[in-house]
Amino acid sequence: MTVKGLIFDLDGTLVDTLDDLTDAMNAALEPLRSFILPGGSPLAAHLHLCRTVSRRAERLSVELATLESVNPAAVKYLNRLSDWFFVAARMANDGGKDDVLWVPGANR
């Protein structure tokens, strides 16, 4: 399926597929014990940036839904896409080993 096809065929199946991909990556990672700051490897930093863009798109689509008809699956997909970017960024940081952890007061 092409990207163009994905845009017009957005449905629950696509969201479920993205969930499955995210879960498979996440299974290889240690559970989080701290918040993670964007950064680490260049690839991880770019993936964190992609996550912020997809979150922004999600917020804007929710706002748009108050004015226009918006496919609920599109909003859900954007939410799951940002989750995928987050987990992919952790994978890009050597499977989470090089994640930049938030330490209260230390990262200022």
PDB file of N, CA and C in Angstrom:
ATOM      1  N   MET A   1       0.843  -1.178   0.000  1.00  0.00           N
ATOM      2  CA  MET A   1       0.000   0.000   0.000  1.00  0.00           C
ATOM      3  C   MET A   1       0.889   1.243   0.000  1.00  0.00           C
ATOM      4  N   THR A   2       0.507   2.231  -0.763  1.00  0.00           N
ATOM      5  CA  THR A   2       1.276   3.464  -0.836  1.00  0.00           C
ATOM      6  C   THR A   2       0.862   4.420   0.280  1.00  0.00           C
ATOM      7  N   VAL A   3       1.668   5.436   0.509  1.00  0.00           N
ATOM      8  CA  VAL A   3       1.324   6.458   1.499  1.00  0.00           C
ATOM      9  C   VAL A   3       0.014   7.123   1.107  1.00  0.00           C
ATOM     10  N   LYS A   4      -0.163   7.386  -0.185  1.00  0.00           N
ATOM     11  CA  LYS A   4      -1.406   7.991  -0.656  1.00  0.00           C
ATOM     12  C   LYS A   4      -2.584   7.078  -0.319  1.00  0.00           C
ATOM     13  N   GLY A   5      -2.405   5.783  -0.485  1.00  0.00           N
ATOM     14  CA  GLY A   5      -3.460   4.830  -0.130  1.00  0.00           C
ATOM     15  C   GLY A   5      -3.757   4.834   1.355  1.00  0.00           C
ATOM     16  N   LEU A   6      -2.714   4.986   2.170  1.00  0.00           N
ATOM     17  CA  LEU A   6      -2.910   5.035   3.618  1.00  0.00           C
ATOM     18  C   LEU A   6      -3.753   6.231   4.024  1.00  0.00           C
ATOM     19  N   ILE A   7      -3.523   7.360   3.366  1.00  0.00           N
ATOM     20  CA  ILE A   7      -4.264   8.574   3.711  1.00  0.00           C
ATOM     21  C   ILE A   7      -5.752   8.377   3.469  1.00  0.00           C
ATOM     22  N   PHE A   8      -6.105   7.728   2.379  1.00  0.00           N
ATOM     23  CA  PHE A   8      -7.509   7.584   2.038  1.00  0.00           C
ATOM     24  C   PHE A   8      -8.146   6.334   2.617  1.00  0.00           C
ATOM     25  N   ASP A   9      -7.351   5.375   3.078  1.00  0.00           N
ATOM     26  CA  ASP A   9      -7.881   4.135   3.626  1.00  0.00           C
ATOM     27  C   ASP A   9      -7.673   4.045   5.132  1.00  0.00           C
ATOM     28  N   LEU A  10      -7.551   5.181   5.786  1.00  0.00           N
ATOM     29  CA  LEU A  10      -7.304   5.207   7.219  1.00  0.00           C
ATOM     30  C   LEU A  10      -8.472   4.555   7.944  1.00  0.00           C
ATOM     31  N   ASP A  11      -8.162   3.528   8.705  1.00  0.00           N
ATOM     32  CA  ASP A  11      -9.196   2.853   9.477  1.00  0.00           C
ATOM     33  C   ASP A  11      -8.573   2.216  10.712  1.00  0.00           C
ATOM     34  N   GLY A  12      -9.367   1.517  11.469  1.00  0.00           N
ATOM     35  CA  GLY A  12      -8.882   0.886  12.689  1.00  0.00           C
ATOM     36  C   GLY A  12      -7.779  -0.126  12.450  1.00  0.00           C
ATOM     37  N   THR A  13      -7.781  -0.778  11.289  1.00  0.00           N
ATOM     38  CA  THR A  13      -6.762  -1.778  10.989  1.00  0.00           C
ATOM     39  C   THR A  13      -5.382  -1.136  10.948  1.00  0.00           C
ATOM     40  N   LEU A  14      -5.296   0.027  10.362  1.00  0.00           N
ATOM     41  CA  LEU A  14      -4.019   0.730  10.279  1.00  0.00           C
ATOM     42  C   LEU A  14      -3.538   1.125  11.671  1.00  0.00           C
ATOM     43  N   VAL A  15      -4.465   1.575  12.517  1.00  0.00           N
ATOM     44  CA  VAL A  15      -4.121   1.931  13.894  1.00  0.00           C
ATOM     45  C   VAL A  15      -3.635   0.691  14.646  1.00  0.00           C
ATOM     46  N   ASP A  16      -4.323  -0.427  14.452  1.00  0.00           N
ATOM     47  CA  ASP A  16      -3.922  -1.675  15.117  1.00  0.00           C
ATOM     48  C   ASP A  16      -2.533  -2.123  14.657  1.00  0.00           C
ATOM     49  N   THR A  17      -2.244  -1.967  13.379  1.00  0.00           N
ATOM     50  CA  THR A  17      -0.930  -2.335  12.860  1.00  0.00           C
ATOM     51  C   THR A  17       0.159  -1.484  13.505  1.00  0.00           C
ATOM     52  N   LEU A  18      -0.094  -0.195  13.623  1.00  0.00           N
ATOM     53  CA  LEU A  18       0.876   0.690  14.251  1.00  0.00           C
ATOM     54  C   LEU A  18       1.050   0.330  15.728  1.00  0.00           C
ATOM     55  N   ASP A  19      -0.052  -0.009  16.396  1.00  0.00           N
ATOM     56  CA  ASP A  19       0.029  -0.473  17.791  1.00  0.00           C
ATOM     57  C   ASP A  19       0.907  -1.712  17.909  1.00  0.00           C
ATOM     58  N   ASP A  20       0.704  -2.653  16.994  1.00  0.00           N
ATOM     59  CA  ASP A  20       1.486  -3.900  17.026  1.00  0.00           C
ATOM     60  C   ASP A  20       2.973  -3.631  16.813  1.00  0.00           C
ATOM     61  N   LEU A  21       3.292  -2.751  15.873  1.00  0.00           N
ATOM     62  CA  LEU A  21       4.694  -2.406  15.616  1.00  0.00           C
ATOM     63  C   LEU A  21       5.327  -1.734  16.838  1.00  0.00           C
ATOM     64  N   THR A  22       4.585  -0.840  17.464  1.00  0.00           N
ATOM     65  CA  THR A  22       5.078  -0.149  18.657  1.00  0.00           C
ATOM     66  C   THR A  22       5.289  -1.132  19.796  1.00  0.00           C
ATOM     67  N   ASP A  23       4.312  -2.013  20.010  1.00  0.00           N
ATOM     68  CA  ASP A  23       4.419  -3.011  21.080  1.00  0.00           C
ATOM     69  C   ASP A  23       5.615  -3.932  20.870  1.00  0.00           C
ATOM     70  N   ALA A  24       5.871  -4.320  19.614  1.00  0.00           N
ATOM     71  CA  ALA A  24       6.996  -5.212  19.324  1.00  0.00           C
ATOM     72  C   ALA A  24       8.326  -4.531  19.657  1.00  0.00           C
ATOM     73  N   MET A  25       8.461  -3.253  19.297  1.00  0.00           N
ATOM     74  CA  MET A  25       9.693  -2.526  19.637  1.00  0.00           C
ATOM     75  C   MET A  25       9.811  -2.340  21.145  1.00  0.00           C
ATOM     76  N   ASN A  26       8.704  -1.974  21.768  1.00  0.00           N
ATOM     77  CA  ASN A  26       8.708  -1.679  23.203  1.00  0.00           C
ATOM     78  C   ASN A  26       9.054  -2.912  24.041  1.00  0.00           C
ATOM     79  N   ALA A  27       8.711  -4.089  23.530  1.00  0.00           N
ATOM     80  CA  ALA A  27       8.984  -5.329  24.263  1.00  0.00           C
ATOM     81  C   ALA A  27      10.486  -5.558  24.455  1.00  0.00           C
ATOM     82  N   ALA A  28      11.292  -4.986  23.569  1.00  0.00           N
ATOM     83  CA  ALA A  28      12.752  -5.159  23.650  1.00  0.00           C
ATOM     84  C   ALA A  28      13.401  -4.139  24.579  1.00  0.00           C
ATOM     85  N   LEU A  29      12.623  -3.207  25.110  1.00  0.00           N
ATOM     86  CA  LEU A  29      13.175  -2.140  25.944  1.00  0.00           C
ATOM     87  C   LEU A  29      12.917  -2.395  27.424  1.00  0.00           C
ATOM     88  N   GLU A  30      13.822  -1.878  28.259  1.00  0.00           N
ATOM     89  CA  GLU A  30      13.592  -1.917  29.705  1.00  0.00           C
ATOM     90  C   GLU A  30      12.455  -0.943  30.036  1.00  0.00           C
ATOM     91  N   PRO A  31      11.648  -1.269  31.029  1.00  0.00           N
ATOM     92  CA  PRO A  31      10.580  -0.336  31.419  1.00  0.00           C
ATOM     93  C   PRO A  31      11.166   0.998  31.885  1.00  0.00           C
ATOM     94  N   LEU A  32      10.405   2.056  31.643  1.00  0.00           N
ATOM     95  CA  LEU A  32      10.842   3.390  32.059  1.00  0.00           C
ATOM     96  C   LEU A  32      10.742   3.546  33.567  1.00  0.00           C
ATOM     97  N   ARG A  33      11.753   4.172  34.147  1.00  0.00           N
ATOM     98  CA  ARG A  33      11.746   4.475  35.574  1.00  0.00           C
ATOM     99  C   ARG A  33      11.913   5.978  35.814  1.00  0.00           C
ATOM    100  N   SER A  34      11.994   6.722  34.709  1.00  0.00           N
ATOM    101  CA  SER A  34      12.186   8.165  34.772  1.00  0.00           C
ATOM    102  C   SER A  34      11.639   8.764  33.490  1.00  0.00           C
ATOM    103  N   PHE A  35      11.354  10.058  33.512  1.00  0.00           N
ATOM    104  CA  PHE A  35      11.005  10.733  32.277  1.00  0.00           C
ATOM    105  C   PHE A  35      12.236  10.787  31.389  1.00  0.00           C
ATOM    106  N   ILE A  36      11.997  10.849  30.087  1.00  0.00           N
ATOM    107  CA  ILE A  36      13.089  10.910  29.119  1.00  0.00           C
ATOM    108  C   ILE A  36      13.056  12.274  28.440  1.00  0.00           C
ATOM    109  N   LEU A  37      14.227  12.889  28.340  1.00  0.00           N
ATOM    110  CA  LEU A  37      14.351  14.148  27.622  1.00  0.00           C
ATOM    111  C   LEU A  37      14.667  13.847  26.160  1.00  0.00           C
ATOM    112  N   PRO A  38      14.197  14.692  25.248  1.00  0.00           N
ATOM    113  CA  PRO A  38      14.527  14.473  23.837  1.00  0.00           C
ATOM    114  C   PRO A  38      16.025  14.590  23.624  1.00  0.00           C
ATOM    115  N   GLY A  39      16.583  13.680  22.907  1.00  0.00           N
ATOM    116  CA  GLY A  39      18.014  13.742  22.623  1.00  0.00           C
ATOM    117  C   GLY A  39      18.630  12.377  22.565  1.00  0.00           C
ATOM    118  N   GLY A  40      19.929  12.367  22.775  1.00  0.00           N
ATOM    119  CA  GLY A  40      20.689  11.132  22.638  1.00  0.00           C
ATOM    120  C   GLY A  40      21.392  11.152  21.295  1.00  0.00           C
ATOM    121  N   SER A  41      21.228  10.104  20.529  1.00  0.00           N
ATOM    122  CA  SER A  41      21.858  10.047  19.206  1.00  0.00           C
ATOM    123  C   SER A  41      21.158  11.025  18.260  1.00  0.00           C
ATOM    124  N   PRO A  42      21.829  11.404  17.164  1.00  0.00           N
ATOM    125  CA  PRO A  42      21.171  12.283  16.190  1.00  0.00           C
ATOM    126  C   PRO A  42      19.847  11.696  15.670  1.00  0.00           C
ATOM    127  N   LEU A  43      19.841  10.400  15.398  1.00  0.00           N
ATOM    128  CA  LEU A  43      18.604   9.774  14.926  1.00  0.00           C
ATOM    129  C   LEU A  43      17.510   9.876  15.982  1.00  0.00           C
ATOM    130  N   ALA A  44      17.840   9.578  17.227  1.00  0.00           N
ATOM    131  CA  ALA A  44      16.846   9.662  18.297  1.00  0.00           C
ATOM    132  C   ALA A  44      16.321  11.081  18.439  1.00  0.00           C
ATOM    133  N   ALA A  45      17.205  12.074  18.338  1.00  0.00           N
ATOM    134  CA  ALA A  45      16.772  13.470  18.443  1.00  0.00           C
ATOM    135  C   ALA A  45      15.786  13.814  17.327  1.00  0.00           C
ATOM    136  N   HIS A  46      16.063  13.330  16.120  1.00  0.00           N
ATOM    137  CA  HIS A  46      15.146  13.582  15.005  1.00  0.00           C
ATOM    138  C   HIS A  46      13.807  12.871  15.228  1.00  0.00           C
ATOM    139  N   LEU A  47      13.847  11.654  15.765  1.00  0.00           N
ATOM    140  CA  LEU A  47      12.603  10.938  16.045  1.00  0.00           C
ATOM    141  C   LEU A  47      11.795  11.642  17.133  1.00  0.00           C
ATOM    142  N   HIS A  48      12.466  12.195  18.137  1.00  0.00           N
ATOM    143  CA  HIS A  48      11.765  12.971  19.163  1.00  0.00           C
ATOM    144  C   HIS A  48      11.114  14.208  18.535  1.00  0.00           C
ATOM    145  N   LEU A  49      11.801  14.836  17.580  1.00  0.00           N
ATOM    146  CA  LEU A  49      11.226  15.974  16.879  1.00  0.00           C
ATOM    147  C   LEU A  49       9.983  15.552  16.092  1.00  0.00           C
ATOM    148  N   CYS A  50      10.073  14.415  15.427  1.00  0.00           N
ATOM    149  CA  CYS A  50       8.911  13.883  14.700  1.00  0.00           C
ATOM    150  C   CYS A  50       7.749  13.644  15.661  1.00  0.00           C
ATOM    151  N   ARG A  51       8.061  13.183  16.840  1.00  0.00           N
ATOM    152  CA  ARG A  51       7.016  12.945  17.841  1.00  0.00           C
ATOM    153  C   ARG A  51       6.317  14.245  18.198  1.00  0.00           C
ATOM    154  N   THR A  52       7.078  15.316  18.392  1.00  0.00           N
ATOM    155  CA  THR A  52       6.440  16.580  18.751  1.00  0.00           C
ATOM    156  C   THR A  52       5.563  17.098  17.616  1.00  0.00           C
ATOM    157  N   VAL A  53       5.996  16.890  16.385  1.00  0.00           N
ATOM    158  CA  VAL A  53       5.196  17.329  15.236  1.00  0.00           C
ATOM    159  C   VAL A  53       3.901  16.515  15.156  1.00  0.00           C
ATOM    160  N   SER A  54       3.986  15.212  15.377  1.00  0.00           N
ATOM    161  CA  SER A  54       2.765  14.399  15.319  1.00  0.00           C
ATOM    162  C   SER A  54       1.825  14.723  16.478  1.00  0.00           C
ATOM    163  N   ARG A  55       2.369  15.040  17.656  1.00  0.00           N
ATOM    164  CA  ARG A  55       1.524  15.470  18.775  1.00  0.00           C
ATOM    165  C   ARG A  55       0.816  16.781  18.440  1.00  0.00           C
ATOM    166  N   ARG A  56       1.559  17.696  17.819  1.00  0.00           N
ATOM    167  CA  ARG A  56       0.955  18.973  17.426  1.00  0.00           C
ATOM    168  C   ARG A  56      -0.167  18.736  16.414  1.00  0.00           C
ATOM    169  N   ALA A  57       0.077  17.857  15.458  1.00  0.00           N
ATOM    170  CA  ALA A  57      -0.950  17.529  14.468  1.00  0.00           C
ATOM    171  C   ALA A  57      -2.178  16.916  15.144  1.00  0.00           C
ATOM    172  N   GLU A  58      -1.946  16.075  16.135  1.00  0.00           N
ATOM    173  CA  GLU A  58      -3.064  15.483  16.873  1.00  0.00           C
ATOM    174  C   GLU A  58      -3.882  16.565  17.579  1.00  0.00           C
ATOM    175  N   ARG A  59      -3.197  17.471  18.272  1.00  0.00           N
ATOM    176  CA  ARG A  59      -3.911  18.551  18.980  1.00  0.00           C
ATOM    177  C   ARG A  59      -4.701  19.417  18.010  1.00  0.00           C
ATOM    178  N   LEU A  60      -4.107  19.730  16.872  1.00  0.00           N
ATOM    179  CA  LEU A  60      -4.800  20.546  15.885  1.00  0.00           C
ATOM    180  C   LEU A  60      -5.995  19.817  15.278  1.00  0.00           C
ATOM    181  N   SER A  61      -5.863  18.506  15.085  1.00  0.00           N
ATOM    182  CA  SER A  61      -6.993  17.750  14.529  1.00  0.00           C
ATOM    183  C   SER A  61      -8.143  17.659  15.534  1.00  0.00           C
ATOM    184  N   VAL A  62      -7.817  17.583  16.817  1.00  0.00           N
ATOM    185  CA  VAL A  62      -8.861  17.596  17.850  1.00  0.00           C
ATOM    186  C   VAL A  62      -9.561  18.952  17.854  1.00  0.00           C
ATOM    187  N   GLU A  63      -8.772  20.011  17.733  1.00  0.00           N
ATOM    188  CA  GLU A  63      -9.353  21.359  17.674  1.00  0.00           C
ATOM    189  C   GLU A  63     -10.228  21.514  16.430  1.00  0.00           C
ATOM    190  N   LEU A  64      -9.731  21.024  15.289  1.00  0.00           N
ATOM    191  CA  LEU A  64     -10.495  21.086  14.049  1.00  0.00           C
ATOM    192  C   LEU A  64     -11.816  20.336  14.182  1.00  0.00           C
ATOM    193  N   ALA A  65     -11.801  19.236  14.922  1.00  0.00           N
ATOM    194  CA  ALA A  65     -13.012  18.423  15.085  1.00  0.00           C
ATOM    195  C   ALA A  65     -14.130  19.179  15.802  1.00  0.00           C
ATOM    196  N   THR A  66     -13.791  20.263  16.477  1.00  0.00           N
ATOM    197  CA  THR A  66     -14.847  21.080  17.103  1.00  0.00           C
ATOM    198  C   THR A  66     -15.542  21.960  16.072  1.00  0.00           C
ATOM    199  N   LEU A  67     -14.929  22.106  14.885  1.00  0.00           N
ATOM    200  CA  LEU A  67     -15.482  22.965  13.842  1.00  0.00           C
ATOM    201  C   LEU A  67     -15.948  22.204  12.610  1.00  0.00           C
ATOM    202  N   GLU A  68     -15.290  21.096  12.323  1.00  0.00           N
ATOM    203  CA  GLU A  68     -15.524  20.327  11.105  1.00  0.00           C
ATOM    204  C   GLU A  68     -15.635  18.839  11.452  1.00  0.00           C
ATOM    205  N   SER A  69     -16.073  18.076  10.486  1.00  0.00           N
ATOM    206  CA  SER A  69     -16.104  16.631  10.649  1.00  0.00           C
ATOM    207  C   SER A  69     -14.694  16.075  10.428  1.00  0.00           C
ATOM    208  N   VAL A  70     -14.188  15.349  11.420  1.00  0.00           N
ATOM    209  CA  VAL A  70     -12.850  14.761  11.335  1.00  0.00           C
ATOM    210  C   VAL A  70     -12.970  13.274  11.611  1.00  0.00           C
ATOM    211  N   ASN A  71     -12.323  12.477  10.797  1.00  0.00           N
ATOM    212  CA  ASN A  71     -12.323  11.032  10.982  1.00  0.00           C
ATOM    213  C   ASN A  71     -11.662  10.705  12.324  1.00  0.00           C
ATOM    214  N   PRO A  72     -12.411  10.101  13.267  1.00  0.00           N
ATOM    215  CA  PRO A  72     -11.817   9.769  14.571  1.00  0.00           C
ATOM    216  C   PRO A  72     -10.609   8.844  14.457  1.00  0.00           C
ATOM    217  N   ALA A  73     -10.582   8.012  13.420  1.00  0.00           N
ATOM    218  CA  ALA A  73      -9.442   7.115  13.226  1.00  0.00           C
ATOM    219  C   ALA A  73      -8.179   7.909  12.906  1.00  0.00           C
ATOM    220  N   ALA A  74      -8.329   9.062  12.264  1.00  0.00           N
ATOM    221  CA  ALA A  74      -7.163   9.897  11.954  1.00  0.00           C
ATOM    222  C   ALA A  74      -6.554  10.455  13.233  1.00  0.00           C
ATOM    223  N   VAL A  75      -7.410  10.893  14.149  1.00  0.00           N
ATOM    224  CA  VAL A  75      -6.918  11.420  15.425  1.00  0.00           C
ATOM    225  C   VAL A  75      -6.226  10.308  16.211  1.00  0.00           C
ATOM    226  N   LYS A  76      -6.848   9.146  16.240  1.00  0.00           N
ATOM    227  CA  LYS A  76      -6.261   8.008  16.954  1.00  0.00           C
ATOM    228  C   LYS A  76      -4.937   7.598  16.322  1.00  0.00           C
ATOM    229  N   TYR A  77      -4.876   7.626  14.989  1.00  0.00           N
ATOM    230  CA  TYR A  77      -3.644   7.269  14.291  1.00  0.00           C
ATOM    231  C   TYR A  77      -2.516   8.229  14.649  1.00  0.00           C
ATOM    232  N   LEU A  78      -2.802   9.525  14.677  1.00  0.00           N
ATOM    233  CA  LEU A  78      -1.773  10.507  15.034  1.00  0.00           C
ATOM    234  C   LEU A  78      -1.267  10.270  16.454  1.00  0.00           C
ATOM    235  N   ASN A  79      -2.171   9.894  17.354  1.00  0.00           N
ATOM    236  CA  ASN A  79      -1.778   9.585  18.732  1.00  0.00           C
ATOM    237  C   ASN A  79      -0.828   8.392  18.760  1.00  0.00           C
ATOM    238  N   ARG A  80      -1.189   7.344  18.041  1.00  0.00           N
ATOM    239  CA  ARG A  80      -0.362   6.144  18.024  1.00  0.00           C
ATOM    240  C   ARG A  80       0.947   6.377  17.296  1.00  0.00           C
ATOM    241  N   LEU A  81       0.911   7.237  16.271  1.00  0.00           N
ATOM    242  CA  LEU A  81       2.131   7.550  15.535  1.00  0.00           C
ATOM    243  C   LEU A  81       3.146   8.223  16.446  1.00  0.00           C
ATOM    244  N   SER A  82       2.687   9.130  17.292  1.00  0.00           N
ATOM    245  CA  SER A  82       3.626   9.787  18.213  1.00  0.00           C
ATOM    246  C   SER A  82       4.189   8.785  19.214  1.00  0.00           C
ATOM    247  N   ASP A  83       3.377   7.810  19.624  1.00  0.00           N
ATOM    248  CA  ASP A  83       3.885   6.742  20.493  1.00  0.00           C
ATOM    249  C   ASP A  83       4.981   5.953  19.784  1.00  0.00           C
ATOM    250  N   TRP A  84       4.737   5.652  18.490  1.00  0.00           N
ATOM    251  CA  TRP A  84       5.729   4.905  17.715  1.00  0.00           C
ATOM    252  C   TRP A  84       7.045   5.685  17.645  1.00  0.00           C
ATOM    253  N   PHE A  85       6.963   6.996  17.373  1.00  0.00           N
ATOM    254  CA  PHE A  85       8.176   7.819  17.307  1.00  0.00           C
ATOM    255  C   PHE A  85       8.929   7.798  18.636  1.00  0.00           C
ATOM    256  N   PHE A  86       8.207   7.846  19.752  1.00  0.00           N
ATOM    257  CA  PHE A  86       8.848   7.824  21.067  1.00  0.00           C
ATOM    258  C   PHE A  86       9.619   6.514  21.278  1.00  0.00           C
ATOM    259  N   VAL A  87       8.967   5.402  20.986  1.00  0.00           N
ATOM    260  CA  VAL A  87       9.609   4.099  21.178  1.00  0.00           C
ATOM    261  C   VAL A  87      10.759   3.923  20.180  1.00  0.00           C
ATOM    262  N   ALA A  88      10.579   4.391  18.952  1.00  0.00           N
ATOM    263  CA  ALA A  88      11.654   4.306  17.957  1.00  0.00           C
ATOM    264  C   ALA A  88      12.865   5.139  18.400  1.00  0.00           C
ATOM    265  N   ALA A  89      12.610   6.281  19.028  1.00  0.00           N
ATOM    266  CA  ALA A  89      13.720   7.105  19.532  1.00  0.00           C
ATOM    267  C   ALA A  89      14.477   6.360  20.623  1.00  0.00           C
ATOM    268  N   ARG A  90      13.751   5.664  21.483  1.00  0.00           N
ATOM    269  CA  ARG A  90      14.422   4.878  22.518  1.00  0.00           C
ATOM    270  C   ARG A  90      15.249   3.766  21.886  1.00  0.00           C
ATOM    271  N   MET A  91      14.728   3.118  20.862  1.00  0.00           N
ATOM    272  CA  MET A  91      15.486   2.076  20.166  1.00  0.00           C
ATOM    273  C   MET A  91      16.742   2.674  19.518  1.00  0.00           C
ATOM    274  N   ALA A  92      16.614   3.880  18.968  1.00  0.00           N
ATOM    275  CA  ALA A  92      17.763   4.532  18.325  1.00  0.00           C
ATOM    276  C   ALA A  92      18.828   4.932  19.343  1.00  0.00           C
ATOM    277  N   ASN A  93      18.446   5.028  20.603  1.00  0.00           N
ATOM    278  CA  ASN A  93      19.411   5.314  21.672  1.00  0.00           C
ATOM    279  C   ASN A  93      19.925   4.006  22.274  1.00  0.00           C
ATOM    280  N   ASP A  94      20.426   3.143  21.404  1.00  0.00           N
ATOM    281  CA  ASP A  94      21.001   1.866  21.820  1.00  0.00           C
ATOM    282  C   ASP A  94      20.029   1.088  22.697  1.00  0.00           C
ATOM    283  N   GLY A  95      18.806   0.967  22.202  1.00  0.00           N
ATOM    284  CA  GLY A  95      17.808   0.185  22.932  1.00  0.00           C
ATOM    285  C   GLY A  95      17.442   0.803  24.277  1.00  0.00           C
ATOM    286  N   GLY A  96      17.547   2.121  24.374  1.00  0.00           N
ATOM    287  CA  GLY A  96      17.199   2.819  25.607  1.00  0.00           C
ATOM    288  C   GLY A  96      18.368   3.053  26.547  1.00  0.00           C
ATOM    289  N   LYS A  97      19.505   2.414  26.272  1.00  0.00           N
ATOM    290  CA  LYS A  97      20.668   2.553  27.169  1.00  0.00           C
ATOM    291  C   LYS A  97      21.243   3.970  27.164  1.00  0.00           C
ATOM    292  N   ASP A  98      21.084   4.680  26.044  1.00  0.00           N
ATOM    293  CA  ASP A  98      21.627   6.034  25.933  1.00  0.00           C
ATOM    294  C   ASP A  98      20.543   7.111  26.023  1.00  0.00           C
ATOM    295  N   ASP A  99      19.366   6.735  26.533  1.00  0.00           N
ATOM    296  CA  ASP A  99      18.318   7.738  26.731  1.00  0.00           C
ATOM    297  C   ASP A  99      18.817   8.819  27.680  1.00  0.00           C
ATOM    298  N   VAL A 100      18.369  10.037  27.450  1.00  0.00           N
ATOM    299  CA  VAL A 100      18.706  11.154  28.333  1.00  0.00           C
ATOM    300  C   VAL A 100      17.605  11.214  29.387  1.00  0.00           C
ATOM    301  N   LEU A 101      17.936  10.803  30.602  1.00  0.00           N
ATOM    302  CA  LEU A 101      16.937  10.736  31.667  1.00  0.00           C
ATOM    303  C   LEU A 101      16.800  12.074  32.365  1.00  0.00           C
ATOM    304  N   TRP A 102      15.590  12.403  32.736  1.00  0.00           N
ATOM    305  CA  TRP A 102      15.320  13.624  33.484  1.00  0.00           C
ATOM    306  C   TRP A 102      15.645  13.400  34.942  1.00  0.00           C
ATOM    307  N   VAL A 103      16.468  14.254  35.480  1.00  0.00           N
ATOM    308  CA  VAL A 103      16.808  14.232  36.906  1.00  0.00           C
ATOM    309  C   VAL A 103      16.333  15.572  37.448  1.00  0.00           C
ATOM    310  N   PRO A 104      15.389  15.570  38.390  1.00  0.00           N
ATOM    311  CA  PRO A 104      14.850  16.847  38.886  1.00  0.00           C
ATOM    312  C   PRO A 104      15.964  17.792  39.344  1.00  0.00           C
ATOM    313  N   GLY A 105      15.947  18.994  38.777  1.00  0.00           N
ATOM    314  CA  GLY A 105      16.926  20.008  39.151  1.00  0.00           C
ATOM    315  C   GLY A 105      18.280  19.900  38.484  1.00  0.00           C
ATOM    316  N   ALA A 106      18.580  18.773  37.857  1.00  0.00           N
ATOM    317  CA  ALA A 106      19.917  18.561  37.296  1.00  0.00           C
ATOM    318  C   ALA A 106      20.022  18.991  35.830  1.00  0.00           C
ATOM    319  N   ASN A 107      18.910  19.045  35.113  1.00  0.00           N
ATOM    320  CA  ASN A 107      18.950  19.326  33.678  1.00  0.00           C
ATOM    321  C   ASN A 107      18.575  20.784  33.372  1.00  0.00           C
ATOM    322  N   ARG A 108      18.928  21.689  34.238  1.00  0.00           N
ATOM    323  CA  ARG A 108      18.578  23.099  34.006  1.00  0.00           C
ATOM    324  C   ARG A 108      19.747  23.864  33.496  1.00  0.00           C
TER     325      ARG A 108
END
